[in-house]
Amino acid sequence: MDITFNGHNFNEIQKYDGYKWILKNMHNYGFILRYPKDKTKVTRYGYESWHIRYVGKKAATQIYKNNWTLE
C-alpha cells in the first residue's frame, strides 16, 4: 500500500515527523518498507519511501531486526 500525509506527494513524506514514527513502529503492526533506500541493489528497484507491505507481525519484526528485505 502507498502512504502519504494530507495529500502531499508520496516522495515528500519523509519530511514529516510522523513518518519517522512509522519507520520505527510499522513492524509492530506487521508492515515493512518494501523498497528501502539501502536495498536497491538487492531489490533491483528504486527507493520508495511511501510503499509499505503487510507481511505479518512475526515476519515484519524479523525483517526489521535483521535489516532485511523480502528478496
Protein backbone atom coordinates (compact mmCIF):
# COMPACT_ATOMS: atom_id res chain seq x y z
CA MET A 1 0.00 0.00 0.00
CA ASP A 2 1.15 3.55 -0.54
CA ILE A 3 1.07 6.14 2.25
CA THR A 4 1.05 9.93 2.21
CA PHE A 5 0.37 12.80 4.59
CA ASN A 6 -2.54 15.15 4.00
CA GLY A 7 -2.45 14.76 0.25
CA HIS A 8 1.21 15.68 -0.21
CA ASN A 9 3.27 13.94 -2.87
CA PHE A 10 4.45 10.46 -1.98
CA ASN A 11 8.11 11.42 -2.25
CA GLU A 12 7.68 14.19 0.35
CA ILE A 13 6.55 12.07 3.30
CA GLN A 14 9.99 11.57 4.80
CA LYS A 15 9.91 15.28 5.75
CA TYR A 16 7.22 14.68 8.38
CA ASP A 17 7.86 13.69 11.99
CA GLY A 18 5.07 11.14 11.78
CA TYR A 19 6.98 9.28 9.09
CA LYS A 20 9.88 8.68 11.47
CA TRP A 21 7.44 7.09 13.90
CA ILE A 22 6.04 4.90 11.13
CA LEU A 23 9.50 3.62 10.18
CA LYS A 24 10.31 2.75 13.80
CA ASN A 25 6.98 1.10 14.59
CA MET A 26 5.34 -0.35 11.48
CA HIS A 27 6.85 -3.79 12.09
CA ASN A 28 4.82 -3.94 15.32
CA TYR A 29 1.71 -3.92 13.14
CA GLY A 30 3.06 -6.32 10.51
CA PHE A 31 4.31 -3.85 7.90
CA ILE A 32 7.69 -3.31 6.23
CA LEU A 33 9.11 -0.68 3.91
CA ARG A 34 9.03 -2.57 0.65
CA TYR A 35 11.80 -0.78 -1.23
CA PRO A 36 14.31 0.68 1.27
CA LYS A 37 16.97 3.14 0.16
CA ASP A 38 19.85 0.90 1.26
CA LYS A 39 18.50 -2.20 -0.52
CA THR A 40 18.22 -1.03 -4.14
CA LYS A 41 20.98 -3.41 -5.27
CA VAL A 42 19.09 -6.31 -3.71
CA THR A 43 15.54 -5.36 -4.76
CA ARG A 44 16.66 -4.01 -8.13
CA TYR A 45 14.02 -1.38 -7.62
CA GLY A 46 14.31 2.31 -6.79
CA TYR A 47 13.77 3.61 -3.27
CA GLU A 48 10.12 4.23 -2.45
CA SER A 49 9.62 5.88 0.93
CA TRP A 50 5.84 5.58 0.60
CA HIS A 51 5.47 1.91 -0.33
CA ILE A 52 4.78 -0.39 2.61
CA ARG A 53 3.68 -4.01 2.59
CA TYR A 54 1.88 -6.17 5.10
CA VAL A 55 3.82 -9.37 5.83
CA GLY A 56 2.51 -10.17 9.32
CA LYS A 57 3.91 -9.18 12.71
CA LYS A 58 6.34 -12.09 13.05
CA ALA A 59 7.91 -11.69 9.59
CA ALA A 60 7.95 -7.88 9.79
CA THR A 61 9.72 -7.96 13.14
CA GLN A 62 12.31 -10.42 11.87
CA ILE A 63 12.91 -8.36 8.73
CA TYR A 64 13.17 -5.16 10.77
CA LYS A 65 15.53 -6.56 13.42
CA ASN A 66 17.85 -8.09 10.80
CA ASN A 67 17.71 -5.16 8.38
CA TRP A 68 16.48 -7.47 5.62
CA THR A 69 14.18 -7.04 2.65
CA LEU A 70 11.78 -9.55 1.06
CA GLU A 71 14.30 -10.61 -1.54
